[in-house]
């Protein structure tokens, strides 16, 4: 992570944590694509509405990821996976197929 800008470090840390959490959920989602978001300041990334992809389609997700001051590790994480997103709502999530 040396030399990686802070925002990108946070995006990578929180994206990796989200992927692992979804893989270990019951039932497991086996994500193919997870959303990533950078953070220019602060330590808490709070995403209210995003989407992740599985082999079955796109699902709603909200998550909160807190990192340490140096943005080198996740110190707190919570998520809530939602329903399968119908194609008619893809534009709401900026999903392109």
PDB file of N, CA and C in Angstrom:
ATOM      1  N   UNK A   1       0.814  -1.200   0.000  1.00  0.00           N
ATOM      2  CA  UNK A   1       0.000   0.000   0.000  1.00  0.00           C
ATOM      3  C   UNK A   1       0.854   1.259   0.000  1.00  0.00           C
ATOM      4  N   UNK A   2       2.184   1.089   0.115  1.00  0.00           N
ATOM      5  CA  UNK A   2       3.061   2.259   0.069  1.00  0.00           C
ATOM      6  C   UNK A   2       2.906   2.976  -1.260  1.00  0.00           C
ATOM      7  N   UNK A   3       2.733   4.265  -1.208  1.00  0.00           N
ATOM      8  CA  UNK A   3       2.620   5.058  -2.416  1.00  0.00           C
ATOM      9  C   UNK A   3       1.217   5.134  -2.999  1.00  0.00           C
ATOM     10  N   UNK A   4       0.298   4.337  -2.492  1.00  0.00           N
ATOM     11  CA  UNK A   4      -1.084   4.377  -2.981  1.00  0.00           C
ATOM     12  C   UNK A   4      -1.793   5.545  -2.292  1.00  0.00           C
ATOM     13  N   UNK A   5      -2.431   6.431  -3.054  1.00  0.00           N
ATOM     14  CA  UNK A   5      -3.128   7.557  -2.443  1.00  0.00           C
ATOM     15  C   UNK A   5      -4.183   7.090  -1.432  1.00  0.00           C
ATOM     16  N   UNK A   6      -4.394   7.893  -0.418  1.00  0.00           N
ATOM     17  CA  UNK A   6      -5.289   7.562   0.688  1.00  0.00           C
ATOM     18  C   UNK A   6      -6.679   7.126   0.216  1.00  0.00           C
ATOM     19  N   UNK A   7      -7.271   7.875  -0.685  1.00  0.00           N
ATOM     20  CA  UNK A   7      -8.610   7.536  -1.181  1.00  0.00           C
ATOM     21  C   UNK A   7      -8.670   6.169  -1.834  1.00  0.00           C
ATOM     22  N   UNK A   8      -7.637   5.842  -2.611  1.00  0.00           N
ATOM     23  CA  UNK A   8      -7.585   4.534  -3.259  1.00  0.00           C
ATOM     24  C   UNK A   8      -7.347   3.419  -2.253  1.00  0.00           C
ATOM     25  N   UNK A   9      -6.545   3.700  -1.217  1.00  0.00           N
ATOM     26  CA  UNK A   9      -6.324   2.698  -0.159  1.00  0.00           C
ATOM     27  C   UNK A   9      -7.648   2.363   0.516  1.00  0.00           C
ATOM     28  N   UNK A  10      -8.416   3.389   0.835  1.00  0.00           N
ATOM     29  CA  UNK A  10      -9.704   3.165   1.498  1.00  0.00           C
ATOM     30  C   UNK A  10     -10.643   2.390   0.589  1.00  0.00           C
ATOM     31  N   UNK A  11     -10.685   2.756  -0.689  1.00  0.00           N
ATOM     32  CA  UNK A  11     -11.539   2.033  -1.641  1.00  0.00           C
ATOM     33  C   UNK A  11     -11.150   0.564  -1.695  1.00  0.00           C
ATOM     34  N   UNK A  12      -9.866   0.289  -1.731  1.00  0.00           N
ATOM     35  CA  UNK A  12      -9.390  -1.096  -1.804  1.00  0.00           C
ATOM     36  C   UNK A  12      -9.662  -1.844  -0.504  1.00  0.00           C
ATOM     37  N   UNK A  13      -9.342  -1.234   0.625  1.00  0.00           N
ATOM     38  CA  UNK A  13      -9.575  -1.884   1.925  1.00  0.00           C
ATOM     39  C   UNK A  13     -11.049  -2.204   2.131  1.00  0.00           C
ATOM     40  N   UNK A  14     -11.901  -1.222   1.925  1.00  0.00           N
ATOM     41  CA  UNK A  14     -13.333  -1.420   2.178  1.00  0.00           C
ATOM     42  C   UNK A  14     -13.966  -2.333   1.135  1.00  0.00           C
ATOM     43  N   UNK A  15     -13.519  -2.244  -0.117  1.00  0.00           N
ATOM     44  CA  UNK A  15     -14.022  -3.147  -1.155  1.00  0.00           C
ATOM     45  C   UNK A  15     -13.651  -4.595  -0.873  1.00  0.00           C
ATOM     46  N   UNK A  16     -12.419  -4.824  -0.445  1.00  0.00           N
ATOM     47  CA  UNK A  16     -11.981  -6.186  -0.101  1.00  0.00           C
ATOM     48  C   UNK A  16     -12.768  -6.728   1.097  1.00  0.00           C
ATOM     49  N   UNK A  17     -12.977  -5.870   2.088  1.00  0.00           N
ATOM     50  CA  UNK A  17     -13.737  -6.300   3.269  1.00  0.00           C
ATOM     51  C   UNK A  17     -15.172  -6.643   2.882  1.00  0.00           C
ATOM     52  N   UNK A  18     -15.785  -5.814   2.042  1.00  0.00           N
ATOM     53  CA  UNK A  18     -17.153  -6.086   1.595  1.00  0.00           C
ATOM     54  C   UNK A  18     -17.220  -7.422   0.864  1.00  0.00           C
ATOM     55  N   UNK A  19     -16.287  -7.666  -0.025  1.00  0.00           N
ATOM     56  CA  UNK A  19     -16.281  -8.925  -0.765  1.00  0.00           C
ATOM     57  C   UNK A  19     -16.182 -10.121   0.188  1.00  0.00           C
ATOM     58  N   UNK A  20     -15.288 -10.054   1.145  1.00  0.00           N
ATOM     59  CA  UNK A  20     -15.130 -11.148   2.103  1.00  0.00           C
ATOM     60  C   UNK A  20     -16.391 -11.346   2.955  1.00  0.00           C
ATOM     61  N   UNK A  21     -16.979 -10.249   3.393  1.00  0.00           N
ATOM     62  CA  UNK A  21     -18.199 -10.347   4.202  1.00  0.00           C
ATOM     63  C   UNK A  21     -19.321 -11.013   3.405  1.00  0.00           C
ATOM     64  N   UNK A  22     -19.493 -10.617   2.151  1.00  0.00           N
ATOM     65  CA  UNK A  22     -20.547 -11.206   1.315  1.00  0.00           C
ATOM     66  C   UNK A  22     -20.288 -12.685   1.049  1.00  0.00           C
ATOM     67  N   UNK A  23     -19.031 -13.054   0.867  1.00  0.00           N
ATOM     68  CA  UNK A  23     -18.694 -14.460   0.627  1.00  0.00           C
ATOM     69  C   UNK A  23     -18.993 -15.315   1.852  1.00  0.00           C
ATOM     70  N   UNK A  24     -18.876 -14.726   3.040  1.00  0.00           N
ATOM     71  CA  UNK A  24     -19.076 -15.493   4.275  1.00  0.00           C
ATOM     72  C   UNK A  24     -20.458 -15.296   4.889  1.00  0.00           C
ATOM     73  N   UNK A  25     -21.324 -14.537   4.193  1.00  0.00           N
ATOM     74  CA  UNK A  25     -22.710 -14.396   4.649  1.00  0.00           C
ATOM     75  C   UNK A  25     -23.419 -15.742   4.559  1.00  0.00           C
ATOM     76  N   UNK A  26     -24.526 -15.849   5.251  1.00  0.00           N
ATOM     77  CA  UNK A  26     -25.392 -17.013   5.131  1.00  0.00           C
ATOM     78  C   UNK A  26     -26.750 -16.537   4.651  1.00  0.00           C
ATOM     79  N   UNK A  27     -27.149 -16.842   3.439  1.00  0.00           N
ATOM     80  CA  UNK A  27     -26.395 -17.605   2.446  1.00  0.00           C
ATOM     81  C   UNK A  27     -25.283 -16.749   1.836  1.00  0.00           C
ATOM     82  N   UNK A  28     -24.291 -17.422   1.280  1.00  0.00           N
ATOM     83  CA  UNK A  28     -23.175 -16.743   0.637  1.00  0.00           C
ATOM     84  C   UNK A  28     -23.624 -16.165  -0.699  1.00  0.00           C
ATOM     85  N   UNK A  29     -23.181 -14.960  -0.987  1.00  0.00           N
ATOM     86  CA  UNK A  29     -23.552 -14.323  -2.249  1.00  0.00           C
ATOM     87  C   UNK A  29     -22.546 -14.591  -3.363  1.00  0.00           C
ATOM     88  N   UNK A  30     -21.309 -14.964  -3.050  1.00  0.00           N
ATOM     89  CA  UNK A  30     -20.275 -15.180  -4.057  1.00  0.00           C
ATOM     90  C   UNK A  30     -20.220 -14.013  -5.055  1.00  0.00           C
ATOM     91  N   UNK A  31     -19.850 -12.828  -4.571  1.00  0.00           N
ATOM     92  CA  UNK A  31     -19.840 -11.651  -5.445  1.00  0.00           C
ATOM     93  C   UNK A  31     -18.792 -11.743  -6.550  1.00  0.00           C
ATOM     94  N   UNK A  32     -19.168 -11.238  -7.698  1.00  0.00           N
ATOM     95  CA  UNK A  32     -18.259 -11.148  -8.838  1.00  0.00           C
ATOM     96  C   UNK A  32     -17.702  -9.719  -8.914  1.00  0.00           C
ATOM     97  N   UNK A  33     -18.572  -8.750  -8.672  1.00  0.00           N
ATOM     98  CA  UNK A  33     -18.195  -7.334  -8.674  1.00  0.00           C
ATOM     99  C   UNK A  33     -18.755  -6.690  -7.417  1.00  0.00           C
ATOM    100  N   UNK A  34     -17.910  -5.979  -6.684  1.00  0.00           N
ATOM    101  CA  UNK A  34     -18.371  -5.208  -5.527  1.00  0.00           C
ATOM    102  C   UNK A  34     -18.063  -3.730  -5.782  1.00  0.00           C
ATOM    103  N   UNK A  35     -18.877  -2.849  -5.233  1.00  0.00           N
ATOM    104  CA  UNK A  35     -18.624  -1.422  -5.434  1.00  0.00           C
ATOM    105  C   UNK A  35     -17.438  -0.952  -4.600  1.00  0.00           C
ATOM    106  N   UNK A  36     -16.724   0.025  -5.096  1.00  0.00           N
ATOM    107  CA  UNK A  36     -15.644   0.634  -4.338  1.00  0.00           C
ATOM    108  C   UNK A  36     -15.821   2.147  -4.360  1.00  0.00           C
ATOM    109  N   UNK A  37     -15.538   2.756  -3.241  1.00  0.00           N
ATOM    110  CA  UNK A  37     -15.661   4.195  -3.083  1.00  0.00           C
ATOM    111  C   UNK A  37     -14.460   4.700  -2.313  1.00  0.00           C
ATOM    112  N   UNK A  38     -13.886   5.794  -2.773  1.00  0.00           N
ATOM    113  CA  UNK A  38     -12.772   6.414  -2.069  1.00  0.00           C
ATOM    114  C   UNK A  38     -13.293   7.383  -1.025  1.00  0.00           C
ATOM    115  N   UNK A  39     -12.375   7.868  -0.226  1.00  0.00           N
ATOM    116  CA  UNK A  39     -12.711   8.827   0.828  1.00  0.00           C
ATOM    117  C   UNK A  39     -11.523   9.771   0.947  1.00  0.00           C
ATOM    118  N   UNK A  40     -11.746  11.063   0.671  1.00  0.00           N
ATOM    119  CA  UNK A  40     -10.632  12.002   0.673  1.00  0.00           C
ATOM    120  C   UNK A  40     -10.245  12.457   2.072  1.00  0.00           C
ATOM    121  N   UNK A  41     -11.204  12.459   2.991  1.00  0.00           N
ATOM    122  CA  UNK A  41     -10.884  12.836   4.371  1.00  0.00           C
ATOM    123  C   UNK A  41     -11.772  12.041   5.317  1.00  0.00           C
ATOM    124  N   UNK A  42     -11.375  12.008   6.575  1.00  0.00           N
ATOM    125  CA  UNK A  42     -12.136  11.250   7.557  1.00  0.00           C
ATOM    126  C   UNK A  42     -11.764   9.787   7.543  1.00  0.00           C
ATOM    127  N   UNK A  43     -12.473   9.029   8.372  1.00  0.00           N
ATOM    128  CA  UNK A  43     -12.173   7.600   8.498  1.00  0.00           C
ATOM    129  C   UNK A  43     -13.388   6.705   8.270  1.00  0.00           C
ATOM    130  N   UNK A  44     -14.561   7.287   8.018  1.00  0.00           N
ATOM    131  CA  UNK A  44     -15.776   6.490   7.871  1.00  0.00           C
ATOM    132  C   UNK A  44     -16.367   6.648   6.477  1.00  0.00           C
ATOM    133  N   UNK A  45     -16.517   5.527   5.806  1.00  0.00           N
ATOM    134  CA  UNK A  45     -17.164   5.455   4.508  1.00  0.00           C
ATOM    135  C   UNK A  45     -18.548   4.867   4.760  1.00  0.00           C
ATOM    136  N   UNK A  46     -19.594   5.652   4.520  1.00  0.00           N
ATOM    137  CA  UNK A  46     -20.968   5.218   4.805  1.00  0.00           C
ATOM    138  C   UNK A  46     -21.778   5.271   3.520  1.00  0.00           C
ATOM    139  N   UNK A  47     -21.971   4.125   2.903  1.00  0.00           N
ATOM    140  CA  UNK A  47     -22.654   4.028   1.611  1.00  0.00           C
ATOM    141  C   UNK A  47     -24.080   3.534   1.838  1.00  0.00           C
ATOM    142  N   UNK A  48     -25.034   4.373   1.508  1.00  0.00           N
ATOM    143  CA  UNK A  48     -26.448   4.061   1.757  1.00  0.00           C
ATOM    144  C   UNK A  48     -27.084   3.225   0.645  1.00  0.00           C
ATOM    145  N   UNK A  49     -26.584   3.365  -0.578  1.00  0.00           N
ATOM    146  CA  UNK A  49     -27.216   2.660  -1.690  1.00  0.00           C
ATOM    147  C   UNK A  49     -26.194   2.391  -2.791  1.00  0.00           C
ATOM    148  N   UNK A  50     -25.935   1.122  -3.036  1.00  0.00           N
ATOM    149  CA  UNK A  50     -25.020   0.701  -4.090  1.00  0.00           C
ATOM    150  C   UNK A  50     -25.474  -0.669  -4.580  1.00  0.00           C
ATOM    151  N   UNK A  51     -24.687  -1.275  -5.452  1.00  0.00           N
ATOM    152  CA  UNK A  51     -25.049  -2.584  -5.997  1.00  0.00           C
ATOM    153  C   UNK A  51     -23.810  -3.457  -6.133  1.00  0.00           C
ATOM    154  N   UNK A  52     -24.008  -4.768  -5.971  1.00  0.00           N
ATOM    155  CA  UNK A  52     -22.936  -5.730  -6.233  1.00  0.00           C
ATOM    156  C   UNK A  52     -23.490  -6.823  -7.129  1.00  0.00           C
ATOM    157  N   UNK A  53     -22.592  -7.467  -7.883  1.00  0.00           N
ATOM    158  CA  UNK A  53     -23.016  -8.458  -8.871  1.00  0.00           C
ATOM    159  C   UNK A  53     -22.630  -9.872  -8.436  1.00  0.00           C
ATOM    160  N   UNK A  54     -23.552 -10.788  -8.686  1.00  0.00           N
ATOM    161  CA  UNK A  54     -23.297 -12.221  -8.521  1.00  0.00           C
ATOM    162  C   UNK A  54     -23.653 -12.889  -9.845  1.00  0.00           C
ATOM    163  N   UNK A  55     -23.502 -14.199  -9.913  1.00  0.00           N
ATOM    164  CA  UNK A  55     -23.887 -14.929 -11.120  1.00  0.00           C
ATOM    165  C   UNK A  55     -25.396 -14.828 -11.369  1.00  0.00           C
ATOM    166  N   UNK A  56     -26.165 -14.582 -10.307  1.00  0.00           N
ATOM    167  CA  UNK A  56     -27.629 -14.477 -10.433  1.00  0.00           C
ATOM    168  C   UNK A  56     -28.096 -13.091 -10.843  1.00  0.00           C
ATOM    169  N   UNK A  57     -27.244 -12.081 -10.693  1.00  0.00           N
ATOM    170  CA  UNK A  57     -27.618 -10.722 -11.055  1.00  0.00           C
ATOM    171  C   UNK A  57     -27.082  -9.703 -10.062  1.00  0.00           C
ATOM    172  N   UNK A  58     -27.656  -8.518 -10.091  1.00  0.00           N
ATOM    173  CA  UNK A  58     -27.232  -7.412  -9.238  1.00  0.00           C
ATOM    174  C   UNK A  58     -28.120  -7.302  -8.010  1.00  0.00           C
ATOM    175  N   UNK A  59     -27.490  -7.072  -6.861  1.00  0.00           N
ATOM    176  CA  UNK A  59     -28.205  -6.936  -5.597  1.00  0.00           C
ATOM    177  C   UNK A  59     -27.922  -5.573  -4.977  1.00  0.00           C
ATOM    178  N   UNK A  60     -28.889  -5.112  -4.212  1.00  0.00           N
ATOM    179  CA  UNK A  60     -28.715  -3.875  -3.451  1.00  0.00           C
ATOM    180  C   UNK A  60     -27.762  -4.134  -2.284  1.00  0.00           C
ATOM    181  N   UNK A  61     -27.001  -3.101  -1.922  1.00  0.00           N
ATOM    182  CA  UNK A  61     -26.110  -3.203  -0.769  1.00  0.00           C
ATOM    183  C   UNK A  61     -25.975  -1.835  -0.113  1.00  0.00           C
ATOM    184  N   UNK A  62     -25.883  -1.860   1.191  1.00  0.00           N
ATOM    185  CA  UNK A  62     -25.486  -0.667   1.947  1.00  0.00           C
ATOM    186  C   UNK A  62     -24.432  -1.135   2.934  1.00  0.00           C
ATOM    187  N   UNK A  63     -23.439  -0.279   3.151  1.00  0.00           N
ATOM    188  CA  UNK A  63     -22.389  -0.674   4.077  1.00  0.00           C
ATOM    189  C   UNK A  63     -21.707   0.537   4.703  1.00  0.00           C
ATOM    190  N   UNK A  64     -21.092   0.261   5.826  1.00  0.00           N
ATOM    191  CA  UNK A  64     -20.345   1.275   6.571  1.00  0.00           C
ATOM    192  C   UNK A  64     -18.993   0.666   6.887  1.00  0.00           C
ATOM    193  N   UNK A  65     -17.953   1.367   6.481  1.00  0.00           N
ATOM    194  CA  UNK A  65     -16.589   0.882   6.665  1.00  0.00           C
ATOM    195  C   UNK A  65     -15.778   1.972   7.357  1.00  0.00           C
ATOM    196  N   UNK A  66     -15.196   1.628   8.485  1.00  0.00           N
ATOM    197  CA  UNK A  66     -14.343   2.566   9.199  1.00  0.00           C
ATOM    198  C   UNK A  66     -12.909   2.051   9.162  1.00  0.00           C
ATOM    199  N   UNK A  67     -11.998   2.945   8.827  1.00  0.00           N
ATOM    200  CA  UNK A  67     -10.579   2.599   8.768  1.00  0.00           C
ATOM    201  C   UNK A  67      -9.821   3.379   9.842  1.00  0.00           C
ATOM    202  N   UNK A  68      -8.590   2.967  10.111  1.00  0.00           N
ATOM    203  CA  UNK A  68      -7.773   3.705  11.066  1.00  0.00           C
ATOM    204  C   UNK A  68      -7.324   5.038  10.447  1.00  0.00           C
ATOM    205  N   UNK A  69      -6.734   5.906  11.244  1.00  0.00           N
ATOM    206  CA  UNK A  69      -6.323   7.245  10.784  1.00  0.00           C
ATOM    207  C   UNK A  69      -5.380   7.190   9.587  1.00  0.00           C
ATOM    208  N   UNK A  70      -4.496   6.207   9.546  1.00  0.00           N
ATOM    209  CA  UNK A  70      -3.539   6.087   8.449  1.00  0.00           C
ATOM    210  C   UNK A  70      -4.135   5.416   7.213  1.00  0.00           C
ATOM    211  N   UNK A  71      -5.384   4.961   7.334  1.00  0.00           N
ATOM    212  CA  UNK A  71      -6.070   4.254   6.240  1.00  0.00           C
ATOM    213  C   UNK A  71      -5.252   3.041   5.787  1.00  0.00           C
ATOM    214  N   UNK A  72      -4.844   2.240   6.776  1.00  0.00           N
ATOM    215  CA  UNK A  72      -4.080   1.031   6.460  1.00  0.00           C
ATOM    216  C   UNK A  72      -4.805  -0.243   6.883  1.00  0.00           C
ATOM    217  N   UNK A  73      -5.908  -0.100   7.659  1.00  0.00           N
ATOM    218  CA  UNK A  73      -6.677  -1.289   8.034  1.00  0.00           C
ATOM    219  C   UNK A  73      -8.105  -0.903   8.398  1.00  0.00           C
ATOM    220  N   UNK A  74      -8.999  -1.853   8.213  1.00  0.00           N
ATOM    221  CA  UNK A  74     -10.409  -1.690   8.569  1.00  0.00           C
ATOM    222  C   UNK A  74     -10.544  -1.941  10.067  1.00  0.00           C
ATOM    223  N   UNK A  75     -11.190  -1.024  10.784  1.00  0.00           N
ATOM    224  CA  UNK A  75     -11.374  -1.201  12.222  1.00  0.00           C
ATOM    225  C   UNK A  75     -12.823  -1.536  12.579  1.00  0.00           C
ATOM    226  N   UNK A  76     -13.755  -1.257  11.664  1.00  0.00           N
ATOM    227  CA  UNK A  76     -15.161  -1.559  11.905  1.00  0.00           C
ATOM    228  C   UNK A  76     -15.854  -1.684  10.558  1.00  0.00           C
ATOM    229  N   UNK A  77     -16.768  -2.668  10.461  1.00  0.00           N
ATOM    230  CA  UNK A  77     -17.466  -2.875   9.195  1.00  0.00           C
ATOM    231  C   UNK A  77     -18.851  -3.447   9.457  1.00  0.00           C
ATOM    232  N   UNK A  78     -19.844  -2.928   8.750  1.00  0.00           N
ATOM    233  CA  UNK A  78     -21.210  -3.470   8.814  1.00  0.00           C
ATOM    234  C   UNK A  78     -21.814  -3.361   7.419  1.00  0.00           C
ATOM    235  N   UNK A  79     -22.665  -4.310   7.080  1.00  0.00           N
ATOM    236  CA  UNK A  79     -23.324  -4.266   5.769  1.00  0.00           C
ATOM    237  C   UNK A  79     -24.706  -4.885   5.842  1.00  0.00           C
ATOM    238  N   UNK A  80     -25.498  -4.555   4.849  1.00  0.00           N
ATOM    239  CA  UNK A  80     -26.827  -5.132   4.713  1.00  0.00           C
ATOM    240  C   UNK A  80     -27.094  -5.343   3.226  1.00  0.00           C
ATOM    241  N   UNK A  81     -27.193  -6.597   2.827  1.00  0.00           N
ATOM    242  CA  UNK A  81     -27.494  -6.927   1.439  1.00  0.00           C
ATOM    243  C   UNK A  81     -29.003  -6.900   1.248  1.00  0.00           C
ATOM    244  N   UNK A  82     -29.414  -6.356   0.133  1.00  0.00           N
ATOM    245  CA  UNK A  82     -30.839  -6.244  -0.157  1.00  0.00           C
ATOM    246  C   UNK A  82     -31.287  -7.229  -1.212  1.00  0.00           C
ATOM    247  N   UNK A  83     -32.347  -6.860  -1.868  1.00  0.00           N
ATOM    248  CA  UNK A  83     -32.989  -7.712  -2.870  1.00  0.00           C
ATOM    249  C   UNK A  83     -32.267  -7.661  -4.218  1.00  0.00           C
ATOM    250  N   UNK A  84     -32.575  -8.637  -5.045  1.00  0.00           N
ATOM    251  CA  UNK A  84     -32.126  -8.647  -6.427  1.00  0.00           C
ATOM    252  C   UNK A  84     -32.730  -7.418  -7.112  1.00  0.00           C
ATOM    253  N   UNK A  85     -31.929  -6.698  -7.865  1.00  0.00           N
ATOM    254  CA  UNK A  85     -32.394  -5.482  -8.530  1.00  0.00           C
ATOM    255  C   UNK A  85     -33.001  -5.850  -9.877  1.00  0.00           C
ATOM    256  N   UNK A  86     -34.260  -5.468 -10.123  1.00  0.00           N
ATOM    257  CA  UNK A  86     -34.855  -5.748 -11.430  1.00  0.00           C
ATOM    258  C   UNK A  86     -34.208  -4.877 -12.514  1.00  0.00           C
ATOM    259  N   UNK A  87     -34.147  -5.373 -13.723  1.00  0.00           N
ATOM    260  CA  UNK A  87     -33.552  -4.627 -14.836  1.00  0.00           C
ATOM    261  C   UNK A  87     -34.143  -3.228 -14.982  1.00  0.00           C
ATOM    262  N   UNK A  88     -35.401  -3.083 -14.674  1.00  0.00           N
ATOM    263  CA  UNK A  88     -36.051  -1.776 -14.810  1.00  0.00           C
ATOM    264  C   UNK A  88     -35.457  -0.727 -13.870  1.00  0.00           C
ATOM    265  N   UNK A  89     -34.690  -1.163 -12.857  1.00  0.00           N
ATOM    266  CA  UNK A  89     -34.086  -0.229 -11.897  1.00  0.00           C
ATOM    267  C   UNK A  89     -32.570  -0.120 -12.042  1.00  0.00           C
ATOM    268  N   UNK A  90     -32.003  -0.722 -13.068  1.00  0.00           N
ATOM    269  CA  UNK A  90     -30.553  -0.681 -13.263  1.00  0.00           C
ATOM    270  C   UNK A  90     -30.034   0.750 -13.356  1.00  0.00           C
ATOM    271  N   UNK A  91     -30.752   1.619 -14.037  1.00  0.00           N
ATOM    272  CA  UNK A  91     -30.292   3.007 -14.218  1.00  0.00           C
ATOM    273  C   UNK A  91     -30.151   3.708 -12.864  1.00  0.00           C
ATOM    274  N   UNK A  92     -31.004   3.377 -11.906  1.00  0.00           N
ATOM    275  CA  UNK A  92     -30.929   3.966 -10.570  1.00  0.00           C
ATOM    276  C   UNK A  92     -29.578   3.701  -9.932  1.00  0.00           C
ATOM    277  N   UNK A  93     -28.981   2.565 -10.230  1.00  0.00           N
ATOM    278  CA  UNK A  93     -27.693   2.167  -9.657  1.00  0.00           C
ATOM    279  C   UNK A  93     -26.530   2.347 -10.634  1.00  0.00           C
ATOM    280  N   UNK A  94     -26.797   2.994 -11.750  1.00  0.00           N
ATOM    281  CA  UNK A  94     -25.773   3.194 -12.810  1.00  0.00           C
ATOM    282  C   UNK A  94     -25.190   1.872 -13.297  1.00  0.00           C
ATOM    283  N   UNK A  95     -26.042   0.861 -13.381  1.00  0.00           N
ATOM    284  CA  UNK A  95     -25.612  -0.455 -13.854  1.00  0.00           C
ATOM    285  C   UNK A  95     -25.746  -0.481 -15.376  1.00  0.00           C
ATOM    286  N   UNK A  96     -24.648  -0.875 -16.037  1.00  0.00           N
ATOM    287  CA  UNK A  96     -24.665  -1.049 -17.492  1.00  0.00           C
ATOM    288  C   UNK A  96     -24.346  -2.499 -17.797  1.00  0.00           C
ATOM    289  N   UNK A  97     -25.133  -3.095 -18.641  1.00  0.00           N
ATOM    290  CA  UNK A  97     -24.899  -4.497 -19.019  1.00  0.00           C
ATOM    291  C   UNK A  97     -24.272  -4.558 -20.392  1.00  0.00           C
TER     292      UNK A  97
END
